[in-house]
Amino acid sequence: MGGFVAAVTAALVVVAILAGLVAMGRRVRSRGRAGSQGFVGPFEEMWHPAAHRARRETEIVDERVITQLPADDVH
């Protein structure tokens, strides 16, 4: 009986983790890339510093473009 309870508990943990990942994926897709440094930013900075620097440079350029647009062009 103890093995059955352990197996069910392990299965529930796996299902909970997968459900959490699905929920995070849906949240990221619905919000787009805005705030890209949210959850993944620190991991990207640790494991792929070049990608982190490139993303940050892209964000800076996007900010400059938005600030340079005339007021009637900003959505």
PDB file of N, CA and C in Angstrom:
ATOM      1  N   MET A   1       0.813  -1.192   0.000  1.00  0.00           N
ATOM      2  CA  MET A   1       0.000   0.000   0.000  1.00  0.00           C
ATOM      3  C   MET A   1       0.857   1.256   0.000  1.00  0.00           C
ATOM      4  N   GLY A   2       1.994   1.221   0.690  1.00  0.00           N
ATOM      5  CA  GLY A   2       2.880   2.384   0.762  1.00  0.00           C
ATOM      6  C   GLY A   2       3.464   2.742  -0.599  1.00  0.00           C
ATOM      7  N   GLY A   3       3.756   1.713  -1.409  1.00  0.00           N
ATOM      8  CA  GLY A   3       4.289   1.963  -2.748  1.00  0.00           C
ATOM      9  C   GLY A   3       3.272   2.615  -3.658  1.00  0.00           C
ATOM     10  N   PHE A   4       2.016   2.219  -3.485  1.00  0.00           N
ATOM     11  CA  PHE A   4       0.938   2.806  -4.285  1.00  0.00           C
ATOM     12  C   PHE A   4       0.763   4.290  -3.962  1.00  0.00           C
ATOM     13  N   VAL A   5       0.794   4.618  -2.684  1.00  0.00           N
ATOM     14  CA  VAL A   5       0.645   6.014  -2.261  1.00  0.00           C
ATOM     15  C   VAL A   5       1.810   6.855  -2.776  1.00  0.00           C
ATOM     16  N   ALA A   6       3.006   6.293  -2.730  1.00  0.00           N
ATOM     17  CA  ALA A   6       4.181   7.013  -3.227  1.00  0.00           C
ATOM     18  C   ALA A   6       4.080   7.237  -4.735  1.00  0.00           C
ATOM     19  N   ALA A   7       3.612   6.237  -5.458  1.00  0.00           N
ATOM     20  CA  ALA A   7       3.481   6.370  -6.910  1.00  0.00           C
ATOM     21  C   ALA A   7       2.422   7.411  -7.276  1.00  0.00           C
ATOM     22  N   VAL A   8       1.306   7.398  -6.561  1.00  0.00           N
ATOM     23  CA  VAL A   8       0.251   8.384  -6.822  1.00  0.00           C
ATOM     24  C   VAL A   8       0.740   9.786  -6.480  1.00  0.00           C
ATOM     25  N   THR A   9       1.444   9.915  -5.382  1.00  0.00           N
ATOM     26  CA  THR A   9       1.990  11.220  -4.995  1.00  0.00           C
ATOM     27  C   THR A   9       2.976  11.723  -6.043  1.00  0.00           C
ATOM     28  N   ALA A  10       3.856  10.867  -6.517  1.00  0.00           N
ATOM     29  CA  ALA A  10       4.827  11.259  -7.538  1.00  0.00           C
ATOM     30  C   ALA A  10       4.110  11.662  -8.817  1.00  0.00           C
ATOM     31  N   ALA A  11       3.079  10.937  -9.200  1.00  0.00           N
ATOM     32  CA  ALA A  11       2.323  11.279 -10.410  1.00  0.00           C
ATOM     33  C   ALA A  11       1.630  12.626 -10.253  1.00  0.00           C
ATOM     34  N   LEU A  12       1.065  12.880  -9.092  1.00  0.00           N
ATOM     35  CA  LEU A  12       0.411  14.171  -8.854  1.00  0.00           C
ATOM     36  C   LEU A  12       1.403  15.327  -8.887  1.00  0.00           C
ATOM     37  N   VAL A  13       2.607  15.110  -8.380  1.00  0.00           N
ATOM     38  CA  VAL A  13       3.641  16.146  -8.423  1.00  0.00           C
ATOM     39  C   VAL A  13       4.024  16.451  -9.872  1.00  0.00           C
ATOM     40  N   VAL A  14       4.203  15.407 -10.673  1.00  0.00           N
ATOM     41  CA  VAL A  14       4.547  15.605 -12.084  1.00  0.00           C
ATOM     42  C   VAL A  14       3.426  16.345 -12.810  1.00  0.00           C
ATOM     43  N   VAL A  15       2.196  15.965 -12.566  1.00  0.00           N
ATOM     44  CA  VAL A  15       1.053  16.632 -13.201  1.00  0.00           C
ATOM     45  C   VAL A  15       0.988  18.093 -12.771  1.00  0.00           C
ATOM     46  N   ALA A  16       1.235  18.369 -11.495  1.00  0.00           N
ATOM     47  CA  ALA A  16       1.206  19.747 -11.004  1.00  0.00           C
ATOM     48  C   ALA A  16       2.300  20.593 -11.660  1.00  0.00           C
ATOM     49  N   ILE A  17       3.487  20.027 -11.811  1.00  0.00           N
ATOM     50  CA  ILE A  17       4.585  20.757 -12.451  1.00  0.00           C
ATOM     51  C   ILE A  17       4.248  21.032 -13.910  1.00  0.00           C
ATOM     52  N   LEU A  18       3.749  20.039 -14.618  1.00  0.00           N
ATOM     53  CA  LEU A  18       3.390  20.241 -16.023  1.00  0.00           C
ATOM     54  C   LEU A  18       2.263  21.259 -16.171  1.00  0.00           C
ATOM     55  N   ALA A  19       1.284  21.220 -15.285  1.00  0.00           N
ATOM     56  CA  ALA A  19       0.193  22.204 -15.335  1.00  0.00           C
ATOM     57  C   ALA A  19       0.727  23.606 -15.091  1.00  0.00           C
ATOM     58  N   GLY A  20       1.671  23.738 -14.174  1.00  0.00           N
ATOM     59  CA  GLY A  20       2.288  25.044 -13.925  1.00  0.00           C
ATOM     60  C   GLY A  20       3.044  25.560 -15.137  1.00  0.00           C
ATOM     61  N   LEU A  21       3.763  24.682 -15.811  1.00  0.00           N
ATOM     62  CA  LEU A  21       4.497  25.086 -17.014  1.00  0.00           C
ATOM     63  C   LEU A  21       3.541  25.504 -18.131  1.00  0.00           C
ATOM     64  N   VAL A  22       2.448  24.781 -18.277  1.00  0.00           N
ATOM     65  CA  VAL A  22       1.454  25.149 -19.289  1.00  0.00           C
ATOM     66  C   VAL A  22       0.856  26.515 -18.963  1.00  0.00           C
ATOM     67  N   ALA A  23       0.544  26.740 -17.694  1.00  0.00           N
ATOM     68  CA  ALA A  23      -0.033  28.025 -17.284  1.00  0.00           C
ATOM     69  C   ALA A  23       0.954  29.169 -17.544  1.00  0.00           C
ATOM     70  N   MET A  24       2.229  28.952 -17.235  1.00  0.00           N
ATOM     71  CA  MET A  24       3.233  29.992 -17.498  1.00  0.00           C
ATOM     72  C   MET A  24       3.365  30.238 -18.988  1.00  0.00           C
ATOM     73  N   GLY A  25       3.344  29.187 -19.794  1.00  0.00           N
ATOM     74  CA  GLY A  25       3.438  29.353 -21.240  1.00  0.00           C
ATOM     75  C   GLY A  25       2.285  30.155 -21.805  1.00  0.00           C
ATOM     76  N   ARG A  26       1.082  29.873 -21.337  1.00  0.00           N
ATOM     77  CA  ARG A  26      -0.082  30.638 -21.796  1.00  0.00           C
ATOM     78  C   ARG A  26       0.021  32.097 -21.377  1.00  0.00           C
ATOM     79  N   ARG A  27       0.500  32.323 -20.169  1.00  0.00           N
ATOM     80  CA  ARG A  27       0.639  33.702 -19.686  1.00  0.00           C
ATOM     81  C   ARG A  27       1.648  34.480 -20.532  1.00  0.00           C
ATOM     82  N   VAL A  28       2.770  33.850 -20.838  1.00  0.00           N
ATOM     83  CA  VAL A  28       3.792  34.524 -21.645  1.00  0.00           C
ATOM     84  C   VAL A  28       3.271  34.792 -23.051  1.00  0.00           C
ATOM     85  N   ARG A  29       2.570  33.821 -23.636  1.00  0.00           N
ATOM     86  CA  ARG A  29       2.032  34.021 -24.984  1.00  0.00           C
ATOM     87  C   ARG A  29       0.991  35.115 -25.025  1.00  0.00           C
ATOM     88  N   SER A  30       0.165  35.214 -23.986  1.00  0.00           N
ATOM     89  CA  SER A  30      -0.889  36.230 -23.992  1.00  0.00           C
ATOM     90  C   SER A  30      -0.316  37.621 -23.776  1.00  0.00           C
ATOM     91  N   ARG A  31       0.775  37.730 -23.056  1.00  0.00           N
ATOM     92  CA  ARG A  31       1.380  39.038 -22.797  1.00  0.00           C
ATOM     93  C   ARG A  31       2.421  39.419 -23.834  1.00  0.00           C
ATOM     94  N   GLY A  32       2.819  38.506 -24.662  1.00  0.00           N
ATOM     95  CA  GLY A  32       3.842  38.799 -25.655  1.00  0.00           C
ATOM     96  C   GLY A  32       5.211  38.887 -25.009  1.00  0.00           C
ATOM     97  N   ARG A  33       6.117  39.569 -25.665  1.00  0.00           N
ATOM     98  CA  ARG A  33       7.480  39.661 -25.154  1.00  0.00           C
ATOM     99  C   ARG A  33       7.690  40.888 -24.286  1.00  0.00           C
ATOM    100  N   ALA A  34       6.656  41.660 -24.064  1.00  0.00           N
ATOM    101  CA  ALA A  34       6.789  42.823 -23.189  1.00  0.00           C
ATOM    102  C   ALA A  34       7.206  42.348 -21.812  1.00  0.00           C
ATOM    103  N   GLY A  35       8.141  43.033 -21.240  1.00  0.00           N
ATOM    104  CA  GLY A  35       8.630  42.584 -19.945  1.00  0.00           C
ATOM    105  C   GLY A  35       9.387  41.281 -20.057  1.00  0.00           C
ATOM    106  N   SER A  36      10.226  41.188 -21.070  1.00  0.00           N
ATOM    107  CA  SER A  36      10.889  39.923 -21.351  1.00  0.00           C
ATOM    108  C   SER A  36      11.852  39.496 -20.255  1.00  0.00           C
ATOM    109  N   GLN A  37      12.213  40.383 -19.377  1.00  0.00           N
ATOM    110  CA  GLN A  37      13.143  40.018 -18.322  1.00  0.00           C
ATOM    111  C   GLN A  37      12.437  39.456 -17.107  1.00  0.00           C
ATOM    112  N   GLY A  38      11.164  39.171 -17.220  1.00  0.00           N
ATOM    113  CA  GLY A  38      10.389  38.665 -16.100  1.00  0.00           C
ATOM    114  C   GLY A  38      10.957  37.407 -15.491  1.00  0.00           C
ATOM    115  N   PHE A  39      10.462  36.284 -15.871  1.00  0.00           N
ATOM    116  CA  PHE A  39      10.832  35.017 -15.248  1.00  0.00           C
ATOM    117  C   PHE A  39      12.119  34.439 -15.828  1.00  0.00           C
ATOM    118  N   VAL A  40      12.301  34.535 -17.120  1.00  0.00           N
ATOM    119  CA  VAL A  40      13.411  33.852 -17.787  1.00  0.00           C
ATOM    120  C   VAL A  40      14.684  34.693 -17.800  1.00  0.00           C
ATOM    121  N   GLY A  41      14.569  35.977 -17.584  1.00  0.00           N
ATOM    122  CA  GLY A  41      15.715  36.881 -17.670  1.00  0.00           C
ATOM    123  C   GLY A  41      16.942  36.460 -16.893  1.00  0.00           C
ATOM    124  N   PRO A  42      16.818  36.157 -15.604  1.00  0.00           N
ATOM    125  CA  PRO A  42      18.012  35.764 -14.844  1.00  0.00           C
ATOM    126  C   PRO A  42      18.657  34.476 -15.355  1.00  0.00           C
ATOM    127  N   PHE A  43      17.829  33.517 -15.800  1.00  0.00           N
ATOM    128  CA  PHE A  43      18.386  32.268 -16.326  1.00  0.00           C
ATOM    129  C   PHE A  43      19.084  32.509 -17.658  1.00  0.00           C
ATOM    130  N   GLU A  44      18.484  33.352 -18.487  1.00  0.00           N
ATOM    131  CA  GLU A  44      19.118  33.667 -19.762  1.00  0.00           C
ATOM    132  C   GLU A  44      20.445  34.380 -19.535  1.00  0.00           C
ATOM    133  N   GLU A  45      20.483  35.259 -18.558  1.00  0.00           N
ATOM    134  CA  GLU A  45      21.720  35.986 -18.269  1.00  0.00           C
ATOM    135  C   GLU A  45      22.819  35.043 -17.791  1.00  0.00           C
ATOM    136  N   MET A  46      22.456  34.020 -17.016  1.00  0.00           N
ATOM    137  CA  MET A  46      23.459  33.073 -16.508  1.00  0.00           C
ATOM    138  C   MET A  46      23.970  32.139 -17.604  1.00  0.00           C
ATOM    139  N   TRP A  47      23.043  31.568 -18.386  1.00  0.00           N
ATOM    140  CA  TRP A  47      23.434  30.513 -19.314  1.00  0.00           C
ATOM    141  C   TRP A  47      23.726  30.994 -20.725  1.00  0.00           C
ATOM    142  N   HIS A  48      23.272  32.168 -21.079  1.00  0.00           N
ATOM    143  CA  HIS A  48      23.517  32.674 -22.431  1.00  0.00           C
ATOM    144  C   HIS A  48      23.672  34.192 -22.376  1.00  0.00           C
ATOM    145  N   PRO A  49      24.803  34.668 -21.837  1.00  0.00           N
ATOM    146  CA  PRO A  49      24.992  36.106 -21.649  1.00  0.00           C
ATOM    147  C   PRO A  49      24.901  36.915 -22.947  1.00  0.00           C
ATOM    148  N   ALA A  50      25.341  36.344 -24.062  1.00  0.00           N
ATOM    149  CA  ALA A  50      25.278  37.081 -25.328  1.00  0.00           C
ATOM    150  C   ALA A  50      23.832  37.342 -25.733  1.00  0.00           C
ATOM    151  N   ALA A  51      22.961  36.378 -25.539  1.00  0.00           N
ATOM    152  CA  ALA A  51      21.545  36.566 -25.862  1.00  0.00           C
ATOM    153  C   ALA A  51      20.931  37.616 -24.944  1.00  0.00           C
ATOM    154  N   HIS A  52      21.329  37.613 -23.694  1.00  0.00           N
ATOM    155  CA  HIS A  52      20.812  38.609 -22.758  1.00  0.00           C
ATOM    156  C   HIS A  52      21.232  40.012 -23.176  1.00  0.00           C
ATOM    157  N   ARG A  53      22.499  40.168 -23.541  1.00  0.00           N
ATOM    158  CA  ARG A  53      22.975  41.492 -23.976  1.00  0.00           C
ATOM    159  C   ARG A  53      22.275  41.932 -25.266  1.00  0.00           C
ATOM    160  N   ALA A  54      22.077  41.014 -26.190  1.00  0.00           N
ATOM    161  CA  ALA A  54      21.406  41.361 -27.439  1.00  0.00           C
ATOM    162  C   ALA A  54      19.957  41.771 -27.184  1.00  0.00           C
ATOM    163  N   ARG A  55      19.279  41.067 -26.322  1.00  0.00           N
ATOM    164  CA  ARG A  55      17.889  41.416 -26.002  1.00  0.00           C
ATOM    165  C   ARG A  55      17.821  42.783 -25.338  1.00  0.00           C
ATOM    166  N   ARG A  56      18.741  43.056 -24.430  1.00  0.00           N
ATOM    167  CA  ARG A  56      18.751  44.354 -23.745  1.00  0.00           C
ATOM    168  C   ARG A  56      19.025  45.485 -24.737  1.00  0.00           C
ATOM    169  N   GLU A  57      19.944  45.279 -25.664  1.00  0.00           N
ATOM    170  CA  GLU A  57      20.216  46.301 -26.670  1.00  0.00           C
ATOM    171  C   GLU A  57      18.992  46.547 -27.548  1.00  0.00           C
ATOM    172  N   THR A  58      18.277  45.490 -27.896  1.00  0.00           N
ATOM    173  CA  THR A  58      17.056  45.635 -28.686  1.00  0.00           C
ATOM    174  C   THR A  58      16.012  46.431 -27.918  1.00  0.00           C
ATOM    175  N   GLU A  59      15.879  46.175 -26.626  1.00  0.00           N
ATOM    176  CA  GLU A  59      14.927  46.923 -25.813  1.00  0.00           C
ATOM    177  C   GLU A  59      15.295  48.393 -25.744  1.00  0.00           C
ATOM    178  N   ILE A  60      16.584  48.695 -25.636  1.00  0.00           N
ATOM    179  CA  ILE A  60      17.030  50.092 -25.579  1.00  0.00           C
ATOM    180  C   ILE A  60      16.710  50.795 -26.891  1.00  0.00           C
ATOM    181  N   VAL A  61      16.965  50.130 -28.010  1.00  0.00           N
ATOM    182  CA  VAL A  61      16.656  50.725 -29.313  1.00  0.00           C
ATOM    183  C   VAL A  61      15.152  50.960 -29.442  1.00  0.00           C
ATOM    184  N   ASP A  62      14.346  49.991 -29.022  1.00  0.00           N
ATOM    185  CA  ASP A  62      12.893  50.156 -29.074  1.00  0.00           C
ATOM    186  C   ASP A  62      12.443  51.340 -28.229  1.00  0.00           C
ATOM    187  N   GLU A  63      13.038  51.517 -27.053  1.00  0.00           N
ATOM    188  CA  GLU A  63      12.688  52.651 -26.200  1.00  0.00           C
ATOM    189  C   GLU A  63      13.039  53.963 -26.878  1.00  0.00           C
ATOM    190  N   ARG A  64      14.180  54.004 -27.541  1.00  0.00           N
ATOM    191  CA  ARG A  64      14.587  55.242 -28.236  1.00  0.00           C
ATOM    192  C   ARG A  64      13.638  55.572 -29.366  1.00  0.00           C
ATOM    193  N   VAL A  65      13.218  54.563 -30.114  1.00  0.00           N
ATOM    194  CA  VAL A  65      12.296  54.786 -31.232  1.00  0.00           C
ATOM    195  C   VAL A  65      10.964  55.313 -30.719  1.00  0.00           C
ATOM    196  N   ILE A  66      10.470  54.747 -29.636  1.00  0.00           N
ATOM    197  CA  ILE A  66       9.188  55.190 -29.089  1.00  0.00           C
ATOM    198  C   ILE A  66       9.281  56.629 -28.599  1.00  0.00           C
ATOM    199  N   THR A  67      10.378  56.996 -27.966  1.00  0.00           N
ATOM    200  CA  THR A  67      10.499  58.361 -27.458  1.00  0.00           C
ATOM    201  C   THR A  67      10.698  59.365 -28.577  1.00  0.00           C
ATOM    202  N   GLN A  68      11.153  58.941 -29.754  1.00  0.00           N
ATOM    203  CA  GLN A  68      11.392  59.859 -30.855  1.00  0.00           C
ATOM    204  C   GLN A  68      10.178  60.024 -31.769  1.00  0.00           C
ATOM    205  N   LEU A  69       9.164  59.177 -31.625  1.00  0.00           N
ATOM    206  CA  LEU A  69       7.979  59.292 -32.468  1.00  0.00           C
ATOM    207  C   LEU A  69       7.180  60.527 -32.084  1.00  0.00           C
ATOM    208  N   PRO A  70       6.540  61.163 -33.053  1.00  0.00           N
ATOM    209  CA  PRO A  70       5.637  62.268 -32.727  1.00  0.00           C
ATOM    210  C   PRO A  70       4.476  61.774 -31.873  1.00  0.00           C
ATOM    211  N   ALA A  71       3.882  62.659 -31.130  1.00  0.00           N
ATOM    212  CA  ALA A  71       2.838  62.285 -30.177  1.00  0.00           C
ATOM    213  C   ALA A  71       1.626  61.625 -30.864  1.00  0.00           C
ATOM    214  N   ASP A  72       1.290  62.027 -32.079  1.00  0.00           N
ATOM    215  CA  ASP A  72       0.122  61.447 -32.740  1.00  0.00           C
ATOM    216  C   ASP A  72       0.394  60.057 -33.315  1.00  0.00           C
ATOM    217  N   ASP A  73       1.660  59.624 -33.408  1.00  0.00           N
ATOM    218  CA  ASP A  73       1.998  58.300 -33.933  1.00  0.00           C
ATOM    219  C   ASP A  73       2.077  57.242 -32.838  1.00  0.00           C
ATOM    220  N   VAL A  74       2.165  57.628 -31.592  1.00  0.00           N
ATOM    221  CA  VAL A  74       2.284  56.683 -30.507  1.00  0.00           C
ATOM    222  C   VAL A  74       0.924  56.074 -30.217  1.00  0.00           C
ATOM    223  N   HIS A  75       0.875  54.755 -30.125  1.00  0.00           N
ATOM    224  CA  HIS A  75      -0.405  54.069 -29.912  1.00  0.00           C
ATOM    225  C   HIS A  75      -0.588  53.807 -28.454  1.00  0.00           C
TER     226      HIS A  75
END
